Amino acid sequence: MRFLYIFAVITWVLFFVIMAEELFIARGTKEEQYQALLPQIEALVSGEPDLIANMANVSAVLKAQFGFLWVGFYLVKAEQLVLGPFQGPLACTRIAKGKGVCGTAWERGETLIVSDVDAFPGHIACSSLSKSELVVPLFHEGEVIAVLDVDSEQLDDLDEVDAKYLERMLKFL
């Protein structure tokens, strides 16, 4: 574990110093993978002020590291979530506030973990392959400005470990 931490720190320093556009794919437990990924994400977005560019890279990194079915962002525009940068199959373009997992997470202003999307009242099936979902709101000055949506092809695949690290990751944006 200590070796992994030291390796992650060294990776972060090298990544930051040379502005590498390569990703170190970590192995180990889910938590160890996130621990190795956090400094890489921080270094990747710290020098880039454009939110959309950073969302695109975060989506790509999460897809590459974890192989999620779908990972991406929806941005708040008026009273809708509008599709932003993502990785995965085609997606729903607009989601109303309070609708589906994304709209509900936005409305509540809290992370939602859904172990079985078919059991979620009002679930919006953008892909029939999605079996579990996690949505994390992105805040700016106390307001939700976007949500990070992660879908898996496996039931009960997303959990509190994912939520904890994805919430930390969004603080870099």
Protein backbone atom coordinates (compact mmCIF):
# COMPACT_ATOMS: atom_id res chain seq x y z
CA MET A 1 0.00 0.00 0.00
CA ARG A 2 2.81 2.42 0.91
CA PHE A 3 4.58 1.60 -2.34
CA LEU A 4 1.41 2.40 -4.28
CA TYR A 5 1.11 5.75 -2.51
CA ILE A 6 4.76 6.64 -3.19
CA PHE A 7 4.35 5.56 -6.80
CA ALA A 8 1.20 7.69 -7.15
CA VAL A 9 2.99 10.75 -5.74
CA ILE A 10 5.96 10.27 -8.06
CA THR A 11 3.58 9.79 -10.98
CA TRP A 12 1.75 12.99 -10.07
CA VAL A 13 4.97 14.98 -9.85
CA LEU A 14 6.22 13.69 -13.19
CA PHE A 15 2.81 14.20 -14.75
CA PHE A 16 2.62 17.77 -13.49
CA VAL A 17 6.19 18.70 -14.36
CA ILE A 18 6.22 17.38 -17.91
CA MET A 19 2.46 17.83 -18.54
CA ALA A 20 2.28 14.27 -19.83
CA GLU A 21 -0.80 13.29 -21.74
CA GLU A 22 -0.48 9.65 -20.80
CA LEU A 23 -2.38 7.77 -18.15
CA PHE A 24 -0.88 5.29 -15.74
CA ILE A 25 -3.43 2.47 -15.49
CA ALA A 26 -3.24 1.24 -11.91
CA ARG A 27 -3.95 -2.29 -10.73
CA GLY A 28 -5.15 -3.44 -7.34
CA THR A 29 -8.35 -2.92 -5.43
CA LYS A 30 -10.86 -0.34 -6.58
CA GLU A 31 -9.71 1.96 -3.77
CA GLU A 32 -6.04 1.55 -4.73
CA GLN A 33 -6.91 2.35 -8.34
CA TYR A 34 -8.68 5.55 -7.31
CA GLN A 35 -5.80 6.51 -5.01
CA ALA A 36 -3.39 6.19 -7.92
CA LEU A 37 -5.76 8.06 -10.23
CA LEU A 38 -6.51 11.11 -8.06
CA PRO A 39 -3.09 12.77 -8.36
CA GLN A 40 -3.08 12.12 -12.10
CA ILE A 41 -6.48 13.77 -12.51
CA GLU A 42 -5.43 16.70 -10.34
CA ALA A 43 -2.30 17.23 -12.43
CA LEU A 44 -4.22 16.85 -15.67
CA VAL A 45 -6.82 19.52 -14.88
CA SER A 46 -4.80 21.90 -12.70
CA GLY A 47 -3.24 23.77 -15.60
CA GLU A 48 -6.34 23.91 -17.78
CA PRO A 49 -8.99 26.54 -16.98
CA ASP A 50 -11.59 25.28 -19.48
CA LEU A 51 -14.27 23.22 -17.70
CA ILE A 52 -15.43 21.38 -20.84
CA ALA A 53 -11.88 20.32 -21.74
CA ASN A 54 -11.36 19.06 -18.19
CA MET A 55 -14.67 17.18 -18.21
CA ALA A 56 -13.67 15.51 -21.48
CA ASN A 57 -10.35 14.36 -20.05
CA VAL A 58 -11.88 13.17 -16.76
CA SER A 59 -14.42 11.12 -18.74
CA ALA A 60 -11.67 9.58 -20.86
CA VAL A 61 -9.50 8.76 -17.85
CA LEU A 62 -12.36 7.10 -15.95
CA LYS A 63 -13.38 5.06 -19.00
CA ALA A 64 -9.79 3.93 -19.58
CA GLN A 65 -9.12 3.07 -15.94
CA PHE A 66 -12.36 1.31 -15.03
CA GLY A 67 -13.95 0.32 -18.34
CA PHE A 68 -17.35 1.70 -17.35
CA LEU A 69 -20.10 1.26 -19.94
CA TRP A 70 -20.69 5.01 -20.00
CA VAL A 71 -19.11 7.90 -18.15
CA GLY A 72 -19.69 11.57 -18.76
CA PHE A 73 -21.21 14.86 -17.78
CA TYR A 74 -24.53 16.60 -18.13
CA LEU A 75 -24.45 20.39 -17.76
CA VAL A 76 -27.21 22.44 -16.17
CA LYS A 77 -28.75 24.77 -18.75
CA ALA A 78 -31.93 26.53 -17.64
CA GLU A 79 -34.14 23.78 -16.21
CA GLN A 80 -32.51 20.87 -18.03
CA LEU A 81 -29.39 18.78 -17.97
CA VAL A 82 -27.76 18.90 -21.40
CA LEU A 83 -25.31 16.27 -22.59
CA GLY A 84 -21.68 17.27 -22.21
CA PRO A 85 -18.39 15.42 -22.70
CA PHE A 86 -18.66 11.65 -22.37
CA GLN A 87 -17.17 8.28 -23.26
CA GLY A 88 -19.39 5.37 -24.28
CA PRO A 89 -22.40 4.62 -26.46
CA LEU A 90 -24.90 7.24 -27.61
CA ALA A 91 -26.62 9.06 -24.78
CA CYS A 92 -29.77 10.93 -23.92
CA THR A 93 -29.32 14.56 -24.95
CA ARG A 94 -31.55 16.33 -22.41
CA ILE A 95 -32.86 15.35 -18.99
CA ALA A 96 -35.43 17.32 -17.01
CA LYS A 97 -34.83 18.27 -13.39
CA GLY A 98 -36.09 15.52 -11.11
CA LYS A 99 -36.28 12.93 -13.89
CA GLY A 100 -34.23 9.74 -13.91
CA VAL A 101 -31.15 9.22 -11.77
CA CYS A 102 -29.32 12.26 -13.17
CA GLY A 103 -32.24 14.66 -12.80
CA THR A 104 -32.96 13.38 -9.30
CA ALA A 105 -29.33 13.79 -8.18
CA TRP A 106 -29.40 17.34 -9.58
CA GLU A 107 -32.69 18.16 -7.85
CA ARG A 108 -31.52 16.76 -4.49
CA GLY A 109 -27.98 18.06 -4.81
CA GLU A 110 -26.57 14.75 -3.65
CA THR A 111 -24.76 11.71 -4.96
CA LEU A 112 -27.00 8.81 -5.91
CA ILE A 113 -25.88 5.19 -6.12
CA VAL A 114 -28.33 2.89 -7.88
CA SER A 115 -27.43 -0.79 -7.70
CA ASP A 116 -30.24 -1.83 -10.10
CA VAL A 117 -31.47 0.84 -12.50
CA ASP A 118 -34.58 -1.15 -13.36
CA ALA A 119 -35.71 -0.78 -9.73
CA PHE A 120 -35.26 3.03 -9.74
CA PRO A 121 -38.62 4.79 -10.16
CA GLY A 122 -38.60 6.85 -13.36
CA HIS A 123 -35.24 5.54 -14.59
CA ILE A 124 -34.43 6.85 -18.09
CA ALA A 125 -32.99 3.98 -20.12
CA CYS A 126 -30.56 5.70 -22.47
CA SER A 127 -28.96 2.26 -22.94
CA SER A 128 -30.55 -1.09 -22.20
CA LEU A 129 -27.06 -2.36 -21.33
CA SER A 130 -26.87 -0.17 -18.21
CA LYS A 131 -27.57 -2.13 -15.02
CA SER A 132 -26.22 0.13 -12.27
CA GLU A 133 -25.55 3.86 -12.10
CA LEU A 134 -23.86 6.49 -9.96
CA VAL A 135 -24.43 10.23 -10.34
CA VAL A 136 -22.36 12.91 -8.59
CA PRO A 137 -23.34 16.59 -8.67
CA LEU A 138 -20.68 19.18 -9.49
CA PHE A 139 -21.08 22.36 -7.46
CA HIS A 140 -19.94 25.93 -8.08
CA GLU A 141 -20.69 28.58 -5.45
CA GLY A 142 -23.24 26.28 -3.80
CA GLU A 143 -25.20 25.55 -6.98
CA VAL A 144 -25.21 22.35 -9.04
CA ILE A 145 -23.73 23.23 -12.44
CA ALA A 146 -23.36 19.70 -13.81
CA VAL A 147 -23.51 16.05 -12.89
CA LEU A 148 -21.06 13.24 -13.50
CA ASP A 149 -22.93 10.13 -14.62
CA VAL A 150 -21.36 6.66 -14.50
CA ASP A 151 -23.12 3.57 -15.86
CA SER A 152 -22.07 -0.06 -15.53
CA GLU A 153 -23.19 -3.20 -17.32
CA GLN A 154 -23.10 -5.04 -13.98
CA LEU A 155 -25.71 -4.98 -11.24
CA ASP A 156 -24.49 -3.51 -7.95
CA ASP A 157 -21.15 -2.55 -9.51
CA LEU A 158 -20.93 1.02 -8.22
CA ASP A 159 -20.64 1.74 -4.52
CA GLU A 160 -19.54 4.09 -1.74
CA VAL A 161 -15.89 3.71 -2.76
CA ASP A 162 -16.70 5.06 -6.23
CA ALA A 163 -18.83 7.83 -4.73
CA LYS A 164 -16.12 8.90 -2.26
CA TYR A 165 -13.39 9.20 -4.88
CA LEU A 166 -15.53 10.64 -7.65
CA GLU A 167 -16.75 13.36 -5.28
CA ARG A 168 -13.13 14.17 -4.44
CA MET A 169 -12.23 14.14 -8.12
CA LEU A 170 -14.93 16.66 -9.01
CA LYS A 171 -13.48 19.12 -6.51
CA PHE A 172 -10.52 19.47 -8.89
CA LEU A 173 -12.79 20.87 -11.62
